Amino acid sequence: MNKNNLIKDDIIKNLSHRSGFSSNLSKKIIDDLIEILISRIVNKGLNLKNLGSFNLLKKKERLGRNPKTKEEFIISARKSLRFVASKKLIDKN
């Protein structure tokens, strides 16, 4: 597992430490924020200024192939999340 992964507990601890809020209040804030972001992405996409945009894509069912065995199979229809970074975020590196 990559050590650069950020988990929700890390965000809660960081928010609690920086703001002086209790852990329970920080957890409630983060949970509410995540809920708001998910509902916005699902309904109409989300555009965060200076960060980027998130869009939900609906992919159709298609035919796939195992490259090793050349066996064909059906890849089911699914939803996928697309993130496009803003120019300011790209230029920072």
Foldseek 3Di string as FASTA:
>chain_A
DDPPDDDPLNQLVVCCVVVVDDSVVSSVVSVVVVVVQVVCQVPPWDADPQFWTKHKDWAQKDWDADVPVRDIDIDHIDIDMDTDGDPNVVVVD
